[in-house]
Every structure is written in C-alpha cells, then in structure tokens.
Amino acid sequence: AVNATYRRVLENRYLAYARGGLGALKPYAREKGAPTLPGQELAATTESMLVLTRDFPAFFKSYRHYPKHPAKSYLHDFVWTRQIEGGRPLYSLEHDMTDITDQYALIAARLFYIGHTLNTLQVGILCMPYRGGTLVGLTNQTFIEQIGRMDSSIARGIGHMKLEARVKPMFEVLQEQYRAKAAAR
C-alpha cells in the first residue's frame, strides 16, 4: 500500500513536471519550517552549471526549461526508484537527459525525492576524448532538508553515497549508447 501511495505521488510529480517543468513542481510539505521548493532548488543548480550555460547552450536551454524547449536529438528517461536509506525506504523520481556525439557524451540527471533525508539531487557528467582516453567531468548538488539537524560530514557522506550509487549506472548507459552509435557508423 505504501509503495502504491508513493508511486501515485511520484506519478503526479512527473505529470506536473512533464506539463510545466520545474515551475510546476509543488513544494514539499515538511514538519517544521518553510516548505521545500524543489523547482527553485533545481533551477538554481542548473543555472550554476557553467559548462552547460557556456559550452552547451542548446542542451542547457532544453534541460533548464524542460519541457518548453524540446530538442529531438536528446534522450529523456524517467524512472522511479525505491532504495533503503538509514533502514527506511527512500523513493525518488529521476529524469535523465543525454546527448551523445562523436565529440562528447553529456548526461544530466534530476532526482525528486519522497523521504526523510533528501529533497532533490542533480548530477551532470561530461565525457570527452583526451590523450587517447576519456576525460570525465562531474558535478553534483544535493539538497537535504535535515541539514540543520545533521552533522555536515554525515550530509556529505549521504551525498557521496547517492552520487556513487547513481553515477555508475549513468556511465553504463553512456557507454552502451556510445557503443550503439559507434556500431551504427
């Protein structure tokens, strides 16, 4: 029953986001203090991704203002996940946007949470050829509602664990898509 309830909440978030982007995301109600504003958090994080704004303006525009400025060449994936964090279930909706060319592979991911520890998380990964190998750039920003009550090292630890758990599958997706493009040539 809990899974079904959380799935409905995430489905409603997805539908709002798919229709109106970050601005359509409703605030998260919290026990104490001001509500969490996931759309504002993620918009600010996206705008601070200087490599996107400077070097990939079309990707930035499509990602920042999703779904207003769609670009047919970008891949969009949406998934919902359930994982255990601190002995309790943590549910999230993830939006991945990917662009793979001969010159680079770029992926941006947003996660919206229902839970007790995290509000939102955003990851950006850029892979480019470099000296016979691949140069990988990574950025991550996590918004944690309970930061005021948590030791900052614990908060960083949660961010690192989430990043590690999310990054490996993203790299695997990039690798698979790159191989498919290379095989198609």
Protein backbone atom coordinates (compact mmCIF):
# COMPACT_ATOMS: atom_id res chain seq x y z
CA ALA A 1 0.00 0.00 0.00
CA VAL A 2 2.88 2.37 0.82
CA ASN A 3 4.57 1.62 -2.50
CA ALA A 4 1.32 2.33 -4.36
CA THR A 5 0.82 5.62 -2.49
CA TYR A 6 4.38 6.80 -3.14
CA ARG A 7 4.12 5.72 -6.77
CA ARG A 8 0.98 7.88 -7.16
CA VAL A 9 2.71 10.86 -5.54
CA LEU A 10 5.70 10.45 -7.88
CA GLU A 11 3.41 9.95 -10.87
CA ASN A 12 1.65 13.24 -10.04
CA ARG A 13 5.06 14.95 -9.75
CA TYR A 14 6.08 13.51 -13.10
CA LEU A 15 2.86 14.69 -14.76
CA ALA A 16 3.24 18.21 -13.33
CA TYR A 17 6.91 18.34 -14.40
CA ALA A 18 6.15 16.95 -17.88
CA ARG A 19 3.47 19.61 -18.40
CA GLY A 20 5.04 22.65 -16.76
CA GLY A 21 8.68 21.93 -15.95
CA LEU A 22 10.41 22.95 -12.74
CA GLY A 23 7.95 25.79 -12.10
CA ALA A 24 5.07 23.30 -11.89
CA LEU A 25 6.60 21.28 -9.05
CA LYS A 26 4.66 21.75 -5.84
CA PRO A 27 6.53 22.49 -2.62
CA TYR A 28 7.32 19.60 -0.31
CA ALA A 29 5.47 19.90 3.00
CA ARG A 30 7.81 19.43 5.95
CA GLU A 31 7.06 19.04 9.65
CA LYS A 32 8.68 22.30 10.73
CA GLY A 33 9.86 25.42 8.98
CA ALA A 34 9.34 26.65 5.46
CA PRO A 35 8.33 24.23 2.71
CA THR A 36 10.99 22.86 0.38
CA LEU A 37 10.81 24.28 -3.15
CA PRO A 38 12.26 21.58 -5.44
CA GLY A 39 11.71 23.55 -8.65
CA GLN A 40 13.64 26.55 -7.32
CA GLU A 41 16.44 24.34 -5.97
CA LEU A 42 16.90 22.54 -9.27
CA ALA A 43 16.58 25.70 -11.38
CA ALA A 44 19.31 27.42 -9.35
CA THR A 45 21.53 24.34 -9.59
CA THR A 46 21.03 24.10 -13.36
CA GLU A 47 21.86 27.77 -13.84
CA SER A 48 25.05 27.34 -11.83
CA MET A 49 26.32 24.63 -14.21
CA LEU A 50 28.66 26.99 -16.07
CA VAL A 51 29.96 24.41 -18.54
CA LEU A 52 26.39 23.84 -19.71
CA THR A 53 25.49 27.52 -19.96
CA ARG A 54 28.75 28.44 -21.71
CA ASP A 55 29.64 25.44 -23.87
CA PHE A 56 26.34 23.61 -24.45
CA PRO A 57 23.71 26.36 -24.58
CA ALA A 58 21.11 24.34 -26.53
CA PHE A 59 21.39 21.45 -24.06
CA PHE A 60 21.23 23.91 -21.15
CA LYS A 61 18.12 25.61 -22.55
CA SER A 62 16.36 22.31 -23.16
CA TYR A 63 17.26 20.95 -19.71
CA ARG A 64 16.66 24.13 -17.72
CA HIS A 65 13.32 24.86 -19.35
CA TYR A 66 12.11 21.30 -19.87
CA PRO A 67 9.61 20.62 -21.46
CA LYS A 68 9.31 24.06 -23.13
CA HIS A 69 12.36 23.76 -25.41
CA PRO A 70 12.48 20.15 -26.55
CA ALA A 71 15.29 19.01 -28.78
CA LYS A 72 14.67 15.81 -30.70
CA SER A 73 18.28 14.65 -30.51
CA TYR A 74 18.34 14.42 -26.70
CA LEU A 75 17.32 11.21 -24.98
CA HIS A 76 14.98 11.53 -21.99
CA ASP A 77 14.45 8.75 -19.49
CA PHE A 78 12.16 8.79 -16.47
CA VAL A 79 12.30 6.15 -13.74
CA TRP A 80 11.08 5.77 -10.21
CA THR A 81 13.23 4.05 -7.61
CA ARG A 82 12.91 2.65 -4.13
CA GLN A 83 16.03 2.16 -2.03
CA ILE A 84 16.78 1.74 1.64
CA GLU A 85 18.48 4.67 3.41
CA GLY A 86 19.08 4.59 7.14
CA GLY A 87 16.93 1.47 7.42
CA ARG A 88 13.95 3.24 5.85
CA PRO A 89 12.66 3.28 2.26
CA LEU A 90 13.55 6.29 0.14
CA TYR A 91 11.54 6.85 -3.05
CA SER A 92 12.53 9.05 -5.98
CA LEU A 93 11.61 10.07 -9.49
CA GLU A 94 14.57 10.53 -11.83
CA HIS A 95 14.79 12.46 -15.11
CA ASP A 96 17.89 11.74 -17.20
CA MET A 97 18.69 13.79 -20.31
CA THR A 98 21.52 12.54 -22.54
CA ASP A 99 23.32 13.85 -25.62
CA ILE A 100 25.97 11.68 -27.27
CA THR A 101 28.00 12.84 -30.26
CA ASP A 102 31.38 11.95 -31.76
CA GLN A 103 32.95 14.80 -29.73
CA TYR A 104 31.37 14.24 -26.30
CA ALA A 105 28.80 12.46 -24.16
CA LEU A 106 26.73 14.61 -21.82
CA ILE A 107 24.20 13.48 -19.25
CA ALA A 108 22.22 15.46 -16.71
CA ALA A 109 20.04 13.85 -14.08
CA ARG A 110 17.49 15.26 -11.67
CA LEU A 111 16.07 13.32 -8.77
CA PHE A 112 12.97 14.31 -6.85
CA TYR A 113 12.55 12.55 -3.51
CA ILE A 114 9.83 11.49 -1.15
CA GLY A 115 11.55 10.81 2.06
CA HIS A 116 13.20 11.63 5.28
CA THR A 117 16.68 12.73 4.20
CA LEU A 118 16.86 14.21 0.71
CA ASN A 119 14.84 16.78 -1.21
CA THR A 120 16.48 16.87 -4.63
CA LEU A 121 19.72 15.86 -6.30
CA GLN A 122 21.18 16.93 -9.62
CA VAL A 123 24.14 15.39 -11.41
CA GLY A 124 25.94 16.48 -14.57
CA ILE A 125 28.50 14.32 -16.38
CA LEU A 126 30.60 15.29 -19.39
CA CYS A 127 32.88 12.79 -21.16
CA MET A 128 35.29 13.94 -23.88
CA PRO A 129 38.20 12.30 -25.73
CA TYR A 130 41.55 13.28 -24.21
CA ARG A 131 45.04 12.00 -25.00
CA GLY A 132 43.88 8.61 -26.20
CA GLY A 133 41.46 8.20 -23.30
CA THR A 134 38.40 9.87 -21.88
CA LEU A 135 38.26 12.95 -19.70
CA VAL A 136 35.30 12.86 -17.33
CA GLY A 137 33.87 15.91 -15.60
CA LEU A 138 31.27 15.51 -12.90
CA THR A 139 29.16 17.89 -10.84
CA ASN A 140 26.69 17.02 -8.12
CA GLN A 141 24.45 19.09 -5.88
CA THR A 142 22.21 17.62 -3.21
CA PHE A 143 19.57 19.44 -1.20
CA ILE A 144 18.94 17.93 2.22
CA GLU A 145 16.02 19.09 4.36
CA GLN A 146 17.52 17.88 7.60
CA ILE A 147 20.91 19.57 7.15
CA GLY A 148 20.36 21.80 10.16
CA ARG A 149 19.93 18.74 12.35
CA MET A 150 22.68 16.69 10.73
CA ASP A 151 26.42 16.83 11.14
CA SER A 152 27.83 18.20 7.86
CA SER A 153 30.11 15.14 7.45
CA ILE A 154 27.04 12.90 7.58
CA ALA A 155 25.32 15.08 4.97
CA ARG A 156 28.41 14.89 2.74
CA GLY A 157 28.53 11.12 3.26
CA ILE A 158 24.92 10.78 2.13
CA GLY A 159 25.68 12.94 -0.90
CA HIS A 160 28.72 10.81 -1.80
CA MET A 161 26.79 7.54 -1.37
CA LYS A 162 23.94 8.81 -3.52
CA LEU A 163 26.37 10.07 -6.13
CA GLU A 164 28.24 6.76 -6.29
CA ALA A 165 25.02 4.77 -6.48
CA ARG A 166 23.70 6.98 -9.31
CA VAL A 167 26.88 7.62 -11.31
CA LYS A 168 27.88 4.05 -12.14
CA PRO A 169 24.54 3.28 -13.85
CA MET A 170 24.75 6.60 -15.73
CA PHE A 171 28.22 5.74 -17.03
CA GLU A 172 26.95 2.32 -18.07
CA VAL A 173 24.10 3.96 -20.00
CA LEU A 174 26.54 6.37 -21.66
CA GLN A 175 28.89 3.54 -22.57
CA GLU A 176 26.04 1.48 -24.04
CA GLN A 177 24.70 4.41 -26.07
CA TYR A 178 28.17 5.35 -27.30
CA ARG A 179 28.83 1.76 -28.42
CA ALA A 180 25.48 1.69 -30.23
CA LYS A 181 26.32 4.94 -32.06
CA ALA A 182 29.81 3.67 -32.94
CA ALA A 183 28.37 0.38 -34.25
CA ALA A 184 25.83 2.28 -36.38
CA ARG A 185 28.59 4.20 -38.17
